[in-house]
Amino acid sequence: MTTTIQSSPPIDQTISFFRVSDLQRTRAFYEWAFGLHPVFERDGKVLILQATGESFFGFVHGELPANQPRMGAITLVTSDVDAWSRHLADLGVETKGPPIFKPEFGIYILYVTDPDGYTVEVLEMRAEGWPHAAQ
């Protein structure tokens, strides 16, 4: 079987969704710790926060099984992980330790856990060839 690559219609924006137990607590955490602002809310069922011009995180209210690992991670790409580490420390946000460099992935990364147990990664992509944002 031969596969022909066809051009796809454009993707204009991205939203990654996560189930959380308390939308208002989630909103407060991400506004306070990371400065993300809501752009859409619906009847206590969904909350969408804007991360960059065209990327968003969506949160939906629902039951979370106790003592189960959260699938997925929220990754925020930055040019200065150390500044984020200081900022979060100044706010009293607990991290999983200081930033670390992972040469096998070409990333410098800081890990945080949100109130529902999701991992938030704040990382510098140092790998050659990564499409960095316009500065």
Protein backbone atom coordinates (compact mmCIF):
# COMPACT_ATOMS: atom_id res chain seq x y z
CA MET A 1 0.00 0.00 0.00
CA THR A 2 1.33 3.39 -0.96
CA THR A 3 0.61 6.43 1.15
CA THR A 4 0.37 9.83 -0.45
CA ILE A 5 0.95 12.80 1.78
CA GLN A 6 -1.72 15.39 1.18
CA SER A 7 -1.63 18.90 2.46
CA SER A 8 -3.87 19.37 5.45
CA PRO A 9 -6.12 22.30 6.24
CA PRO A 10 -4.42 24.71 8.67
CA ILE A 11 -4.57 24.30 12.43
CA ASP A 12 -5.09 27.76 13.87
CA GLN A 13 -4.99 27.14 17.62
CA THR A 14 -4.48 24.36 20.17
CA ILE A 15 -6.33 23.48 23.37
CA SER A 16 -5.24 20.67 25.68
CA PHE A 17 -7.97 19.50 28.09
CA PHE A 18 -7.66 18.10 31.60
CA ARG A 19 -10.26 16.86 34.09
CA VAL A 20 -10.11 18.61 37.48
CA SER A 21 -12.07 18.38 40.71
CA ASP A 22 -12.56 22.12 41.31
CA LEU A 23 -12.58 24.64 38.45
CA GLN A 24 -12.30 27.72 40.66
CA ARG A 25 -9.30 26.30 42.56
CA THR A 26 -7.68 25.41 39.23
CA ARG A 27 -8.35 28.90 37.86
CA ALA A 28 -6.90 30.52 40.98
CA PHE A 29 -3.75 28.35 40.88
CA TYR A 30 -2.92 28.97 37.21
CA GLU A 31 -3.72 32.69 37.40
CA TRP A 32 -1.66 33.11 40.58
CA ALA A 33 1.31 30.88 39.78
CA PHE A 34 1.64 31.26 36.01
CA GLY A 35 -0.35 34.37 35.07
CA LEU A 36 -2.70 32.47 32.74
CA HIS A 37 -6.02 34.21 32.21
CA PRO A 38 -9.46 32.75 31.46
CA VAL A 39 -10.85 33.35 27.99
CA PHE A 40 -13.89 31.08 28.23
CA GLU A 41 -16.05 29.62 31.00
CA ARG A 42 -19.32 27.73 30.77
CA ASP A 43 -21.70 27.04 33.66
CA GLY A 44 -19.08 25.62 36.04
CA LYS A 45 -18.38 22.82 33.56
CA VAL A 46 -15.45 24.10 31.52
CA LEU A 47 -12.70 26.67 31.93
CA ILE A 48 -10.22 27.64 29.20
CA LEU A 49 -7.07 29.59 30.04
CA GLN A 50 -4.88 31.25 27.43
CA ALA A 51 -1.21 30.29 27.58
CA THR A 52 0.07 32.09 24.47
CA GLY A 53 -1.52 33.85 21.51
CA GLU A 54 -2.79 30.63 19.97
CA SER A 55 -2.45 27.98 22.69
CA PHE A 56 -4.88 27.24 25.49
CA PHE A 57 -5.44 24.83 28.37
CA GLY A 58 -8.97 23.62 28.96
CA PHE A 59 -10.21 22.20 32.23
CA VAL A 60 -13.45 20.29 32.71
CA HIS A 61 -15.08 19.49 36.01
CA GLY A 62 -15.31 15.82 36.89
CA GLU A 63 -14.53 13.14 39.41
CA LEU A 64 -10.90 12.14 39.77
CA PRO A 65 -10.16 8.67 41.13
CA ALA A 66 -8.33 8.91 44.45
CA ASN A 67 -4.68 7.89 44.55
CA GLN A 68 -4.45 7.47 40.78
CA PRO A 69 -1.65 9.09 38.77
CA ARG A 70 -2.77 11.92 36.52
CA MET A 71 -2.27 11.21 32.85
CA GLY A 72 -0.75 14.04 30.88
CA ALA A 73 1.31 17.06 31.72
CA ILE A 74 0.99 20.76 31.11
CA THR A 75 4.19 21.99 29.52
CA LEU A 76 5.04 25.68 29.41
CA VAL A 77 8.00 26.46 27.16
CA THR A 78 10.08 29.47 28.19
CA SER A 79 13.46 31.03 27.47
CA ASP A 80 14.26 31.39 31.20
CA VAL A 81 13.48 28.47 33.51
CA ASP A 82 15.64 29.95 36.26
CA ALA A 83 13.48 33.11 36.34
CA TRP A 84 10.36 30.92 36.63
CA SER A 85 12.01 28.92 39.42
CA ARG A 86 12.68 32.14 41.36
CA HIS A 87 9.17 33.49 40.64
CA LEU A 88 7.44 30.33 41.84
CA ALA A 89 9.68 30.16 44.93
CA ASP A 90 8.81 33.79 45.73
CA LEU A 91 5.11 32.84 45.55
CA GLY A 92 5.68 29.82 47.79
CA VAL A 93 4.76 27.33 45.05
CA GLU A 94 6.32 23.99 45.89
CA THR A 95 8.38 22.45 43.09
CA LYS A 96 9.76 18.93 42.76
CA GLY A 97 13.28 20.32 43.21
CA PRO A 98 15.50 22.78 41.36
CA PRO A 99 15.57 22.89 37.55
CA ILE A 100 17.59 20.13 35.93
CA PHE A 101 19.18 19.66 32.52
CA LYS A 102 18.29 16.44 30.70
CA PRO A 103 20.87 16.13 27.92
CA GLU A 104 19.16 13.09 26.39
CA PHE A 105 16.19 15.34 25.55
CA GLY A 106 18.00 18.67 25.23
CA ILE A 107 15.80 20.31 27.88
CA TYR A 108 16.30 22.32 31.04
CA ILE A 109 13.21 21.69 33.15
CA LEU A 110 11.42 22.52 36.39
CA TYR A 111 8.56 20.38 37.70
CA VAL A 112 5.52 21.60 39.66
CA THR A 113 2.40 19.70 40.73
CA ASP A 114 -0.97 21.45 40.45
CA PRO A 115 -3.76 21.06 43.04
CA ASP A 116 -5.23 18.03 41.22
CA GLY A 117 -1.90 16.23 40.91
CA TYR A 118 -1.08 17.10 37.29
CA THR A 119 2.55 17.73 36.48
CA VAL A 120 3.33 21.20 35.18
CA GLU A 121 6.63 21.30 33.31
CA VAL A 122 8.36 24.64 32.84
CA LEU A 123 11.10 24.04 30.31
CA GLU A 124 13.70 25.57 28.06
CA MET A 125 14.01 23.62 24.84
CA ARG A 126 17.73 23.58 24.14
CA ALA A 127 17.67 20.85 21.52
CA GLU A 128 19.01 21.88 18.15
CA GLY A 129 16.31 22.32 15.56
CA TRP A 130 13.47 23.25 17.97
CA PRO A 131 11.25 25.97 16.45
CA HIS A 132 11.71 28.70 19.06
CA ALA A 133 9.13 31.46 19.40
CA ALA A 134 9.96 34.82 17.88
CA GLN A 135 11.76 36.91 20.47
